[in-house]
Amino acid sequence: MYDFWNALDFLSYALLISAVLVRHLLESKDITNARRLFSLTLLIMYLRFLEFFLIHRTLGPTLIMIKEMVK
């Protein structure tokens, strides 16, 4: 289980670095590929932070209640 989260952390850092490199090293005016990489990085980091908050003793149940109210 811990290997999964470590791999997810590594993937998010690698995607972030590659997005920055694509954005700044390519001289193209079209930066859609960099935006896609940034959005994928943001999604992975969001999943990681959500997992942390669900484990937290006071924030976890609150997030679950909010999720059920939104449904």
PDB file of N, CA and C in Angstrom:
ATOM      1  N   MET A   1       0.830  -1.190   0.000  1.00  0.00           N
ATOM      2  CA  MET A   1       0.000   0.000   0.000  1.00  0.00           C
ATOM      3  C   MET A   1       0.871   1.250   0.000  1.00  0.00           C
ATOM      4  N   TYR A   2       1.913   1.261   0.809  1.00  0.00           N
ATOM      5  CA  TYR A   2       2.760   2.451   0.858  1.00  0.00           C
ATOM      6  C   TYR A   2       3.517   2.653  -0.451  1.00  0.00           C
ATOM      7  N   ASP A   3       3.801   1.549  -1.145  1.00  0.00           N
ATOM      8  CA  ASP A   3       4.486   1.660  -2.426  1.00  0.00           C
ATOM      9  C   ASP A   3       3.626   2.395  -3.450  1.00  0.00           C
ATOM     10  N   PHE A   4       2.313   2.201  -3.392  1.00  0.00           N
ATOM     11  CA  PHE A   4       1.411   2.886  -4.315  1.00  0.00           C
ATOM     12  C   PHE A   4       1.482   4.391  -4.124  1.00  0.00           C
ATOM     13  N   TRP A   5       1.443   4.845  -2.874  1.00  0.00           N
ATOM     14  CA  TRP A   5       1.462   6.295  -2.630  1.00  0.00           C
ATOM     15  C   TRP A   5       2.830   6.888  -2.943  1.00  0.00           C
ATOM     16  N   ASN A   6       3.892   6.127  -2.697  1.00  0.00           N
ATOM     17  CA  ASN A   6       5.223   6.605  -3.079  1.00  0.00           C
ATOM     18  C   ASN A   6       5.347   6.729  -4.588  1.00  0.00           C
ATOM     19  N   ALA A   7       4.804   5.768  -5.307  1.00  0.00           N
ATOM     20  CA  ALA A   7       4.824   5.832  -6.769  1.00  0.00           C
ATOM     21  C   ALA A   7       3.980   7.002  -7.270  1.00  0.00           C
ATOM     22  N   LEU A   8       2.862   7.246  -6.615  1.00  0.00           N
ATOM     23  CA  LEU A   8       2.012   8.375  -6.995  1.00  0.00           C
ATOM     24  C   LEU A   8       2.710   9.704  -6.737  1.00  0.00           C
ATOM     25  N   ASP A   9       3.425   9.806  -5.637  1.00  0.00           N
ATOM     26  CA  ASP A   9       4.198  11.017  -5.357  1.00  0.00           C
ATOM     27  C   ASP A   9       5.290  11.226  -6.401  1.00  0.00           C
ATOM     28  N   PHE A  10       6.002  10.160  -6.720  1.00  0.00           N
ATOM     29  CA  PHE A  10       7.056  10.255  -7.729  1.00  0.00           C
ATOM     30  C   PHE A  10       6.483  10.657  -9.086  1.00  0.00           C
ATOM     31  N   LEU A  11       5.340  10.087  -9.429  1.00  0.00           N
ATOM     32  CA  LEU A  11       4.697  10.417 -10.701  1.00  0.00           C
ATOM     33  C   LEU A  11       4.276  11.876 -10.753  1.00  0.00           C
ATOM     34  N   SER A  12       3.745  12.387  -9.660  1.00  0.00           N
ATOM     35  CA  SER A  12       3.321  13.789  -9.654  1.00  0.00           C
ATOM     36  C   SER A  12       4.517  14.731  -9.771  1.00  0.00           C
ATOM     37  N   TYR A  13       5.615  14.412  -9.093  1.00  0.00           N
ATOM     38  CA  TYR A  13       6.805  15.263  -9.207  1.00  0.00           C
ATOM     39  C   TYR A  13       7.412  15.187 -10.610  1.00  0.00           C
ATOM     40  N   ALA A  14       7.443  13.987 -11.175  1.00  0.00           N
ATOM     41  CA  ALA A  14       7.992  13.837 -12.525  1.00  0.00           C
ATOM     42  C   ALA A  14       7.145  14.576 -13.554  1.00  0.00           C
ATOM     43  N   LEU A  15       5.819  14.500 -13.407  1.00  0.00           N
ATOM     44  CA  LEU A  15       4.944  15.222 -14.328  1.00  0.00           C
ATOM     45  C   LEU A  15       5.092  16.733 -14.177  1.00  0.00           C
ATOM     46  N   LEU A  16       5.251  17.191 -12.954  1.00  0.00           N
ATOM     47  CA  LEU A  16       5.417  18.622 -12.736  1.00  0.00           C
ATOM     48  C   LEU A  16       6.713  19.124 -13.364  1.00  0.00           C
ATOM     49  N   ILE A  17       7.778  18.400 -13.178  1.00  0.00           N
ATOM     50  CA  ILE A  17       9.057  18.806 -13.764  1.00  0.00           C
ATOM     51  C   ILE A  17       8.982  18.775 -15.289  1.00  0.00           C
ATOM     52  N   SER A  18       8.357  17.727 -15.824  1.00  0.00           N
ATOM     53  CA  SER A  18       8.251  17.656 -17.283  1.00  0.00           C
ATOM     54  C   SER A  18       7.341  18.754 -17.832  1.00  0.00           C
ATOM     55  N   ALA A  19       6.295  19.129 -17.117  1.00  0.00           N
ATOM     56  CA  ALA A  19       5.420  20.212 -17.571  1.00  0.00           C
ATOM     57  C   ALA A  19       6.166  21.542 -17.588  1.00  0.00           C
ATOM     58  N   VAL A  20       6.962  21.793 -16.575  1.00  0.00           N
ATOM     59  CA  VAL A  20       7.746  23.031 -16.540  1.00  0.00           C
ATOM     60  C   VAL A  20       8.765  23.044 -17.674  1.00  0.00           C
ATOM     61  N   LEU A  21       9.409  21.910 -17.915  1.00  0.00           N
ATOM     62  CA  LEU A  21      10.386  21.847 -19.001  1.00  0.00           C
ATOM     63  C   LEU A  21       9.723  22.026 -20.367  1.00  0.00           C
ATOM     64  N   VAL A  22       8.578  21.388 -20.564  1.00  0.00           N
ATOM     65  CA  VAL A  22       7.872  21.541 -21.838  1.00  0.00           C
ATOM     66  C   VAL A  22       7.439  22.985 -22.030  1.00  0.00           C
ATOM     67  N   ARG A  23       6.990  23.612 -20.981  1.00  0.00           N
ATOM     68  CA  ARG A  23       6.510  24.993 -21.091  1.00  0.00           C
ATOM     69  C   ARG A  23       7.632  25.965 -21.416  1.00  0.00           C
ATOM     70  N   HIS A  24       8.782  25.793 -20.799  1.00  0.00           N
ATOM     71  CA  HIS A  24       9.851  26.779 -20.942  1.00  0.00           C
ATOM     72  C   HIS A  24      10.884  26.440 -22.016  1.00  0.00           C
ATOM     73  N   LEU A  25      11.007  25.179 -22.382  1.00  0.00           N
ATOM     74  CA  LEU A  25      12.014  24.825 -23.364  1.00  0.00           C
ATOM     75  C   LEU A  25      11.497  24.852 -24.796  1.00  0.00           C
ATOM     76  N   LEU A  26      10.214  24.609 -24.963  1.00  0.00           N
ATOM     77  CA  LEU A  26       9.658  24.669 -26.313  1.00  0.00           C
ATOM     78  C   LEU A  26       9.305  26.107 -26.651  1.00  0.00           C
ATOM     79  N   GLU A  27       9.709  26.536 -27.812  1.00  0.00           N
ATOM     80  CA  GLU A  27       9.503  27.931 -28.230  1.00  0.00           C
ATOM     81  C   GLU A  27       8.160  28.147 -28.907  1.00  0.00           C
ATOM     82  N   SER A  28       7.307  27.162 -28.865  1.00  0.00           N
ATOM     83  CA  SER A  28       6.033  27.244 -29.557  1.00  0.00           C
ATOM     84  C   SER A  28       5.065  28.171 -28.816  1.00  0.00           C
ATOM     85  N   LYS A  29       4.211  28.831 -29.569  1.00  0.00           N
ATOM     86  CA  LYS A  29       3.163  29.668 -28.970  1.00  0.00           C
ATOM     87  C   LYS A  29       2.040  28.798 -28.415  1.00  0.00           C
ATOM     88  N   ASP A  30       1.915  27.607 -28.957  1.00  0.00           N
ATOM     89  CA  ASP A  30       0.863  26.692 -28.533  1.00  0.00           C
ATOM     90  C   ASP A  30       1.352  25.890 -27.329  1.00  0.00           C
ATOM     91  N   ILE A  31       0.779  26.150 -26.176  1.00  0.00           N
ATOM     92  CA  ILE A  31       1.251  25.501 -24.947  1.00  0.00           C
ATOM     93  C   ILE A  31       0.236  24.506 -24.400  1.00  0.00           C
ATOM     94  N   THR A  32      -0.569  23.915 -25.277  1.00  0.00           N
ATOM     95  CA  THR A  32      -1.603  22.997 -24.803  1.00  0.00           C
ATOM     96  C   THR A  32      -1.017  21.743 -24.172  1.00  0.00           C
ATOM     97  N   ASN A  33       0.100  21.261 -24.674  1.00  0.00           N
ATOM     98  CA  ASN A  33       0.706  20.062 -24.074  1.00  0.00           C
ATOM     99  C   ASN A  33       1.176  20.334 -22.651  1.00  0.00           C
ATOM    100  N   ALA A  34       1.746  21.503 -22.422  1.00  0.00           N
ATOM    101  CA  ALA A  34       2.176  21.851 -21.066  1.00  0.00           C
ATOM    102  C   ALA A  34       0.964  22.001 -20.150  1.00  0.00           C
ATOM    103  N   ARG A  35      -0.103  22.574 -20.649  1.00  0.00           N
ATOM    104  CA  ARG A  35      -1.321  22.712 -19.833  1.00  0.00           C
ATOM    105  C   ARG A  35      -1.910  21.361 -19.482  1.00  0.00           C
ATOM    106  N   ARG A  36      -1.865  20.438 -20.414  1.00  0.00           N
ATOM    107  CA  ARG A  36      -2.364  19.084 -20.131  1.00  0.00           C
ATOM    108  C   ARG A  36      -1.523  18.407 -19.056  1.00  0.00           C
ATOM    109  N   LEU A  37      -0.218  18.575 -19.132  1.00  0.00           N
ATOM    110  CA  LEU A  37       0.646  17.986 -18.111  1.00  0.00           C
ATOM    111  C   LEU A  37       0.411  18.629 -16.749  1.00  0.00           C
ATOM    112  N   PHE A  38       0.235  19.969 -16.730  1.00  0.00           N
ATOM    113  CA  PHE A  38      -0.062  20.645 -15.468  1.00  0.00           C
ATOM    114  C   PHE A  38      -1.386  20.170 -14.876  1.00  0.00           C
ATOM    115  N   SER A  39      -2.398  19.981 -15.718  1.00  0.00           N
ATOM    116  CA  SER A  39      -3.694  19.545 -15.202  1.00  0.00           C
ATOM    117  C   SER A  39      -3.635  18.112 -14.671  1.00  0.00           C
ATOM    118  N   LEU A  40      -2.881  17.257 -15.339  1.00  0.00           N
ATOM    119  CA  LEU A  40      -2.720  15.890 -14.851  1.00  0.00           C
ATOM    120  C   LEU A  40      -1.966  15.870 -13.518  1.00  0.00           C
ATOM    121  N   THR A  41      -0.963  16.712 -13.410  1.00  0.00           N
ATOM    122  CA  THR A  41      -0.213  16.834 -12.164  1.00  0.00           C
ATOM    123  C   THR A  41      -1.117  17.308 -11.032  1.00  0.00           C
ATOM    124  N   LEU A  42      -1.960  18.290 -11.330  1.00  0.00           N
ATOM    125  CA  LEU A  42      -2.880  18.813 -10.323  1.00  0.00           C
ATOM    126  C   LEU A  42      -3.873  17.750  -9.870  1.00  0.00           C
ATOM    127  N   LEU A  43      -4.355  16.942 -10.796  1.00  0.00           N
ATOM    128  CA  LEU A  43      -5.276  15.860 -10.445  1.00  0.00           C
ATOM    129  C   LEU A  43      -4.614  14.856  -9.519  1.00  0.00           C
ATOM    130  N   ILE A  44      -3.395  14.466  -9.818  1.00  0.00           N
ATOM    131  CA  ILE A  44      -2.689  13.481  -8.989  1.00  0.00           C
ATOM    132  C   ILE A  44      -2.399  14.053  -7.601  1.00  0.00           C
ATOM    133  N   MET A  45      -1.986  15.316  -7.535  1.00  0.00           N
ATOM    134  CA  MET A  45      -1.728  15.926  -6.228  1.00  0.00           C
ATOM    135  C   MET A  45      -3.017  16.070  -5.417  1.00  0.00           C
ATOM    136  N   TYR A  46      -4.125  16.368  -6.086  1.00  0.00           N
ATOM    137  CA  TYR A  46      -5.410  16.452  -5.402  1.00  0.00           C
ATOM    138  C   TYR A  46      -5.785  15.109  -4.794  1.00  0.00           C
ATOM    139  N   LEU A  47      -5.589  14.031  -5.532  1.00  0.00           N
ATOM    140  CA  LEU A  47      -5.889  12.706  -4.990  1.00  0.00           C
ATOM    141  C   LEU A  47      -5.035  12.391  -3.770  1.00  0.00           C
ATOM    142  N   ARG A  48      -3.786  12.810  -3.813  1.00  0.00           N
ATOM    143  CA  ARG A  48      -2.881  12.564  -2.685  1.00  0.00           C
ATOM    144  C   ARG A  48      -3.321  13.341  -1.448  1.00  0.00           C
ATOM    145  N   PHE A  49      -3.679  14.618  -1.628  1.00  0.00           N
ATOM    146  CA  PHE A  49      -4.129  15.423  -0.490  1.00  0.00           C
ATOM    147  C   PHE A  49      -5.470  14.937   0.046  1.00  0.00           C
ATOM    148  N   LEU A  50      -6.353  14.483  -0.837  1.00  0.00           N
ATOM    149  CA  LEU A  50      -7.636  13.956  -0.390  1.00  0.00           C
ATOM    150  C   LEU A  50      -7.433  12.713   0.463  1.00  0.00           C
ATOM    151  N   GLU A  51      -6.501  11.857   0.064  1.00  0.00           N
ATOM    152  CA  GLU A  51      -6.209  10.655   0.852  1.00  0.00           C
ATOM    153  C   GLU A  51      -5.689  11.035   2.239  1.00  0.00           C
ATOM    154  N   PHE A  52      -4.879  12.074   2.313  1.00  0.00           N
ATOM    155  CA  PHE A  52      -4.352  12.516   3.603  1.00  0.00           C
ATOM    156  C   PHE A  52      -5.471  13.043   4.497  1.00  0.00           C
ATOM    157  N   PHE A  53      -6.373  13.839   3.935  1.00  0.00           N
ATOM    158  CA  PHE A  53      -7.442  14.416   4.749  1.00  0.00           C
ATOM    159  C   PHE A  53      -8.463  13.375   5.187  1.00  0.00           C
ATOM    160  N   LEU A  54      -8.684  12.340   4.395  1.00  0.00           N
ATOM    161  CA  LEU A  54      -9.627  11.302   4.801  1.00  0.00           C
ATOM    162  C   LEU A  54      -9.102  10.505   5.986  1.00  0.00           C
ATOM    163  N   ILE A  55      -7.795  10.412   6.133  1.00  0.00           N
ATOM    164  CA  ILE A  55      -7.215   9.692   7.262  1.00  0.00           C
ATOM    165  C   ILE A  55      -7.216  10.559   8.516  1.00  0.00           C
ATOM    166  N   HIS A  56      -7.183  11.873   8.352  1.00  0.00           N
ATOM    167  CA  HIS A  56      -7.125  12.793   9.492  1.00  0.00           C
ATOM    168  C   HIS A  56      -8.342  12.587  10.391  1.00  0.00           C
ATOM    169  N   ARG A  57      -8.140  12.623  11.686  1.00  0.00           N
ATOM    170  CA  ARG A  57      -9.177  12.264  12.641  1.00  0.00           C
ATOM    171  C   ARG A  57     -10.377  13.207  12.620  1.00  0.00           C
ATOM    172  N   THR A  58     -10.151  14.505  12.529  1.00  0.00           N
ATOM    173  CA  THR A  58     -11.274  15.445  12.582  1.00  0.00           C
ATOM    174  C   THR A  58     -11.777  15.849  11.195  1.00  0.00           C
ATOM    175  N   LEU A  59     -10.898  15.910  10.211  1.00  0.00           N
ATOM    176  CA  LEU A  59     -11.326  16.336   8.881  1.00  0.00           C
ATOM    177  C   LEU A  59     -11.937  15.210   8.065  1.00  0.00           C
ATOM    178  N   GLY A  60     -11.554  13.986   8.327  1.00  0.00           N
ATOM    179  CA  GLY A  60     -12.036  12.848   7.545  1.00  0.00           C
ATOM    180  C   GLY A  60     -13.542  12.686   7.551  1.00  0.00           C
ATOM    181  N   PRO A  61     -14.167  12.587   8.726  1.00  0.00           N
ATOM    182  CA  PRO A  61     -15.627  12.449   8.745  1.00  0.00           C
ATOM    183  C   PRO A  61     -16.346  13.666   8.166  1.00  0.00           C
ATOM    184  N   THR A  62     -15.775  14.845   8.352  1.00  0.00           N
ATOM    185  CA  THR A  62     -16.395  16.055   7.800  1.00  0.00           C
ATOM    186  C   THR A  62     -16.397  16.003   6.278  1.00  0.00           C
ATOM    187  N   LEU A  63     -15.301  15.581   5.676  1.00  0.00           N
ATOM    188  CA  LEU A  63     -15.245  15.470   4.223  1.00  0.00           C
ATOM    189  C   LEU A  63     -16.219  14.424   3.700  1.00  0.00           C
ATOM    190  N   ILE A  64     -16.365  13.333   4.423  1.00  0.00           N
ATOM    191  CA  ILE A  64     -17.301  12.298   3.996  1.00  0.00           C
ATOM    192  C   ILE A  64     -18.733  12.817   4.084  1.00  0.00           C
ATOM    193  N   MET A  65     -19.057  13.584   5.130  1.00  0.00           N
ATOM    194  CA  MET A  65     -20.403  14.155   5.245  1.00  0.00           C
ATOM    195  C   MET A  65     -20.678  15.152   4.131  1.00  0.00           C
ATOM    196  N   ILE A  66     -19.707  15.978   3.814  1.00  0.00           N
ATOM    197  CA  ILE A  66     -19.872  16.953   2.732  1.00  0.00           C
ATOM    198  C   ILE A  66     -20.065  16.235   1.399  1.00  0.00           C
ATOM    199  N   LYS A  67     -19.318  15.170   1.184  1.00  0.00           N
ATOM    200  CA  LYS A  67     -19.460  14.402  -0.053  1.00  0.00           C
ATOM    201  C   LYS A  67     -20.865  13.800  -0.156  1.00  0.00           C
ATOM    202  N   GLU A  68     -21.392  13.316   0.938  1.00  0.00           N
ATOM    203  CA  GLU A  68     -22.737  12.722   0.915  1.00  0.00           C
ATOM    204  C   GLU A  68     -23.811  13.798   0.708  1.00  0.00           C
ATOM    205  N   MET A  69     -23.594  14.995   1.235  1.00  0.00           N
ATOM    206  CA  MET A  69     -24.577  16.070   1.038  1.00  0.00           C
ATOM    207  C   MET A  69     -24.579  16.548  -0.401  1.00  0.00           C
ATOM    208  N   VAL A  70     -23.436  16.534  -1.051  1.00  0.00           N
ATOM    209  CA  VAL A  70     -23.357  16.984  -2.442  1.00  0.00           C
ATOM    210  C   VAL A  70     -24.074  15.994  -3.371  1.00  0.00           C
ATOM    211  N   LYS A  71     -24.043  14.716  -3.015  1.00  0.00           N
ATOM    212  CA  LYS A  71     -24.745  13.716  -3.832  1.00  0.00           C
ATOM    213  C   LYS A  71     -26.221  14.015  -3.822  1.00  0.00           C
TER     214      LYS A  71
END
